[in-house]
Amino acid sequence: MTSSDFRTRPIDDRGNLVAQNGALDHRATVSFSGRHNRLVVDGDVKLDRVTIRFRGDNGQVVIGAVEPGTHLSLDITVAEGAKVEIGAGVTSEKTLTVVTASGANVNIGAGCHIGTNVSVVADDSRGLGRLSGDSRHDVVVGERVWIMRGAEIRSGANIGDGSVLEMTPIVDEELPAGQLVRGLPATPVRPVFWDRETLEASR
């Protein structure tokens, strides 16, 4: 199914719904293999290079508004009952990949910037996680977090607002707000502040 099929009412007899205001480019693709899934896209700036796959029932993806002239590219796989929420003003250098387990919640806060080759893996199918219970697959990225290249954000990650992740290949724990984080395991190094001017100056 391509974006030309999108309407604000259910798009098939299985109750799957896409709500958007012309924000998806014709190259964007969304597929449903279950029932009662929901995609909501805010704003009217077109998103291209967007692929979303709903693999079960009752999944949800919410994508906040993107500012004109900025870039956000996504490849999201949504399992049964999983929810993915991407806040307003999130940008990416290349494609952000998100994979969820059944019932997982992924929340990426407003104003984040995602570098190249970054993935969010809210799925511990390899059995390597340290958490248990209903929220063991959840991932929370706070607002205004800058994740530099090559990071894999795994189940159990909870990254505080305003942090910068540099040379952090794997993150699967809680990290404080406003810190420069490096290494494996991910380790806070010092307080840090960044804004979009800092981001542009680094390129």
Protein backbone atom coordinates (compact mmCIF):
# COMPACT_ATOMS: atom_id res chain seq x y z
CA MET A 1 0.00 0.00 0.00
CA THR A 2 1.40 3.43 -0.92
CA SER A 3 0.71 6.88 0.42
CA SER A 4 -1.72 7.61 -2.42
CA ASP A 5 -4.18 5.29 -0.60
CA PHE A 6 -4.14 7.26 2.64
CA ARG A 7 -7.35 8.65 4.11
CA THR A 8 -8.42 9.68 7.59
CA ARG A 9 -11.06 6.96 7.79
CA PRO A 10 -10.13 3.24 8.05
CA ILE A 11 -8.38 2.26 4.85
CA ASP A 12 -9.45 -1.39 4.85
CA ASP A 13 -12.07 -3.73 6.28
CA ARG A 14 -9.74 -4.68 9.14
CA GLY A 15 -10.01 -1.29 10.79
CA ASN A 16 -6.49 -0.05 10.03
CA LEU A 17 -6.28 3.74 10.05
CA VAL A 18 -3.92 6.37 8.67
CA ALA A 19 -4.44 10.01 9.69
CA GLN A 20 -2.23 12.56 7.96
CA ASN A 21 -2.50 15.89 6.20
CA GLY A 22 -0.52 15.31 3.03
CA ALA A 23 2.63 14.79 5.09
CA LEU A 24 3.69 11.54 3.44
CA ASP A 25 5.47 11.62 0.10
CA HIS A 26 4.30 9.25 -2.63
CA ARG A 27 7.49 7.24 -2.04
CA ALA A 28 6.46 6.47 1.55
CA THR A 29 5.06 2.97 2.12
CA VAL A 30 2.93 1.50 4.89
CA SER A 31 1.85 -2.13 5.12
CA PHE A 32 -0.61 -3.86 7.43
CA SER A 33 -0.77 -7.58 8.21
CA GLY A 34 -3.13 -7.24 11.19
CA ARG A 35 -6.13 -5.35 12.46
CA HIS A 36 -6.89 -2.05 14.20
CA ASN A 37 -3.47 -0.49 13.68
CA ARG A 38 -3.08 3.27 13.66
CA LEU A 39 -0.63 5.68 12.00
CA VAL A 40 -0.88 9.39 12.84
CA VAL A 41 1.38 11.96 11.17
CA ASP A 42 1.27 15.57 12.36
CA GLY A 43 2.04 18.61 10.23
CA ASP A 44 2.07 19.06 6.48
CA VAL A 45 5.78 18.95 5.58
CA LYS A 46 6.26 15.90 3.38
CA LEU A 47 8.16 12.92 4.78
CA ASP A 48 9.92 10.77 2.19
CA ARG A 49 11.91 7.57 2.64
CA VAL A 50 9.42 6.38 5.22
CA THR A 51 8.63 2.66 5.53
CA ILE A 52 6.32 1.37 8.26
CA ARG A 53 5.26 -2.27 8.67
CA PHE A 54 2.52 -3.29 11.09
CA ARG A 55 3.09 -7.00 11.85
CA GLY A 56 0.16 -7.66 14.20
CA ASP A 57 -2.95 -6.10 15.70
CA ASN A 58 -3.40 -2.87 17.68
CA GLY A 59 -0.07 -1.27 16.83
CA GLN A 60 0.36 2.49 16.82
CA VAL A 61 2.84 4.96 15.32
CA VAL A 62 2.68 8.70 15.96
CA ILE A 63 5.09 11.03 14.14
CA GLY A 64 5.31 14.67 15.21
CA ALA A 65 5.55 17.63 12.87
CA VAL A 66 8.80 18.14 10.96
CA GLU A 67 10.11 21.64 10.34
CA PRO A 68 10.44 22.87 6.74
CA GLY A 69 13.93 22.28 5.37
CA THR A 70 14.78 19.50 7.83
CA HIS A 71 15.04 15.77 7.22
CA LEU A 72 13.52 12.72 8.88
CA SER A 73 13.79 9.24 7.35
CA LEU A 74 12.28 6.20 9.08
CA ASP A 75 12.10 2.42 8.77
CA ILE A 76 9.77 1.10 11.50
CA THR A 77 8.57 -2.42 12.21
CA VAL A 78 5.67 -2.52 14.67
CA ALA A 79 4.80 -5.78 16.45
CA GLU A 80 1.49 -6.75 18.06
CA GLY A 81 0.27 -4.03 20.43
CA ALA A 82 3.49 -2.01 20.18
CA LYS A 83 3.56 1.79 20.21
CA VAL A 84 6.14 4.08 18.64
CA GLU A 85 5.96 7.83 19.27
CA ILE A 86 8.36 10.28 17.63
CA GLY A 87 8.10 13.84 18.89
CA ALA A 88 7.92 17.05 16.92
CA GLY A 89 11.08 18.39 15.32
CA VAL A 90 13.02 15.10 15.34
CA THR A 91 15.60 14.97 12.53
CA SER A 92 17.88 12.28 11.12
CA GLU A 93 20.97 12.27 8.93
CA LYS A 94 20.06 8.95 7.31
CA THR A 95 17.33 6.39 8.03
CA LEU A 96 16.48 5.68 11.66
CA THR A 97 15.54 2.01 12.06
CA VAL A 98 13.09 1.03 14.81
CA VAL A 99 12.15 -2.60 15.60
CA THR A 100 9.72 -3.53 18.38
CA ALA A 101 8.68 -6.62 20.29
CA SER A 102 5.02 -7.27 21.08
CA GLY A 103 3.70 -4.69 23.52
CA ALA A 104 6.87 -2.58 23.47
CA ASN A 105 6.74 1.20 23.84
CA VAL A 106 9.29 3.41 22.07
CA ASN A 107 9.24 7.13 22.79
CA ILE A 108 11.66 9.54 21.10
CA GLY A 109 11.25 13.04 22.50
CA ALA A 110 10.84 16.30 20.63
CA GLY A 111 13.83 18.00 19.07
CA CYS A 112 16.15 14.98 18.96
CA HIS A 113 18.77 14.57 16.24
CA ILE A 114 19.73 11.09 15.04
CA GLY A 115 23.03 10.38 13.28
CA THR A 116 23.84 7.79 10.63
CA ASN A 117 23.48 4.04 11.24
CA VAL A 118 21.43 4.46 14.43
CA SER A 119 18.85 1.84 15.37
CA VAL A 120 16.34 1.38 18.17
CA VAL A 121 15.86 -2.30 19.02
CA ALA A 122 13.00 -2.63 21.50
CA ASP A 123 13.12 -6.40 21.23
CA ASP A 124 15.18 -8.77 23.35
CA SER A 125 14.68 -11.83 21.16
CA ARG A 126 18.33 -12.74 21.79
CA GLY A 127 17.68 -12.98 25.53
CA LEU A 128 20.50 -10.60 26.42
CA GLY A 129 18.49 -8.04 28.37
CA ARG A 130 18.69 -7.42 32.10
CA LEU A 131 15.06 -6.44 32.61
CA SER A 132 11.87 -8.35 33.24
CA GLY A 133 8.18 -7.52 33.44
CA ASP A 134 5.75 -5.78 31.14
CA SER A 135 8.05 -2.84 30.35
CA ARG A 136 11.22 -4.85 29.68
CA HIS A 137 11.26 -3.95 25.97
CA ASP A 138 10.53 -0.23 26.37
CA VAL A 139 12.89 2.48 25.10
CA VAL A 140 12.71 6.14 26.16
CA VAL A 141 14.80 8.85 24.53
CA GLY A 142 14.24 12.23 26.18
CA GLU A 143 13.83 15.56 24.44
CA ARG A 144 16.70 17.27 22.57
CA VAL A 145 18.97 14.21 22.63
CA TRP A 146 21.72 14.04 20.00
CA ILE A 147 22.64 10.46 19.13
CA MET A 148 25.74 10.33 16.96
CA ARG A 149 26.59 7.66 14.42
CA GLY A 150 26.53 3.92 14.91
CA ALA A 151 24.52 3.62 18.13
CA GLU A 152 22.13 0.77 18.91
CA ILE A 153 19.57 1.83 21.48
CA ARG A 154 18.26 -1.38 23.10
CA SER A 155 15.44 -2.45 25.36
CA GLY A 156 15.74 -0.83 28.77
CA ALA A 157 17.39 2.37 27.57
CA ASN A 158 16.12 5.57 29.20
CA ILE A 159 18.12 8.58 28.02
CA GLY A 160 17.74 11.89 29.83
CA ASP A 161 16.86 15.18 28.13
CA GLY A 162 19.60 17.12 26.39
CA SER A 163 22.20 14.36 26.40
CA VAL A 164 24.75 13.80 23.62
CA LEU A 165 25.73 10.21 22.82
CA GLU A 166 29.15 10.07 21.18
CA MET A 167 30.93 6.79 20.40
CA THR A 168 28.32 4.75 22.24
CA PRO A 169 27.82 1.52 20.26
CA ILE A 170 25.22 0.05 22.65
CA VAL A 171 22.88 1.73 25.14
CA ASP A 172 20.57 -0.39 27.29
CA GLU A 173 20.46 1.44 30.61
CA GLU A 174 19.30 4.69 32.19
CA LEU A 175 21.43 7.75 31.44
CA PRO A 176 21.17 11.14 33.18
CA ALA A 177 20.02 14.34 31.50
CA GLY A 178 22.39 16.92 30.06
CA GLN A 179 25.47 14.70 29.84
CA LEU A 180 28.04 13.88 27.18
CA VAL A 181 28.03 10.06 27.08
CA ARG A 182 30.78 7.87 25.61
CA GLY A 183 32.04 4.33 25.50
CA LEU A 184 30.91 0.79 26.23
CA PRO A 185 29.29 0.61 28.68
CA ALA A 186 27.80 4.03 27.98
CA THR A 187 29.35 6.36 30.57
CA PRO A 188 28.49 10.00 31.38
CA VAL A 189 31.64 12.09 30.93
CA ARG A 190 30.66 15.68 31.70
CA PRO A 191 27.74 18.12 31.49
CA VAL A 192 26.96 19.32 28.00
CA PHE A 193 24.64 21.69 26.16
CA TRP A 194 23.86 21.64 22.47
CA ASP A 195 21.48 23.37 20.07
CA ARG A 196 20.89 23.38 16.33
CA GLU A 197 23.73 25.88 15.82
CA THR A 198 26.10 23.43 17.53
CA LEU A 199 24.80 20.70 15.23
CA GLU A 200 25.41 22.75 12.08
CA ALA A 201 28.89 23.77 13.25
CA SER A 202 29.85 20.09 13.69
CA ARG A 203 29.27 19.27 10.01
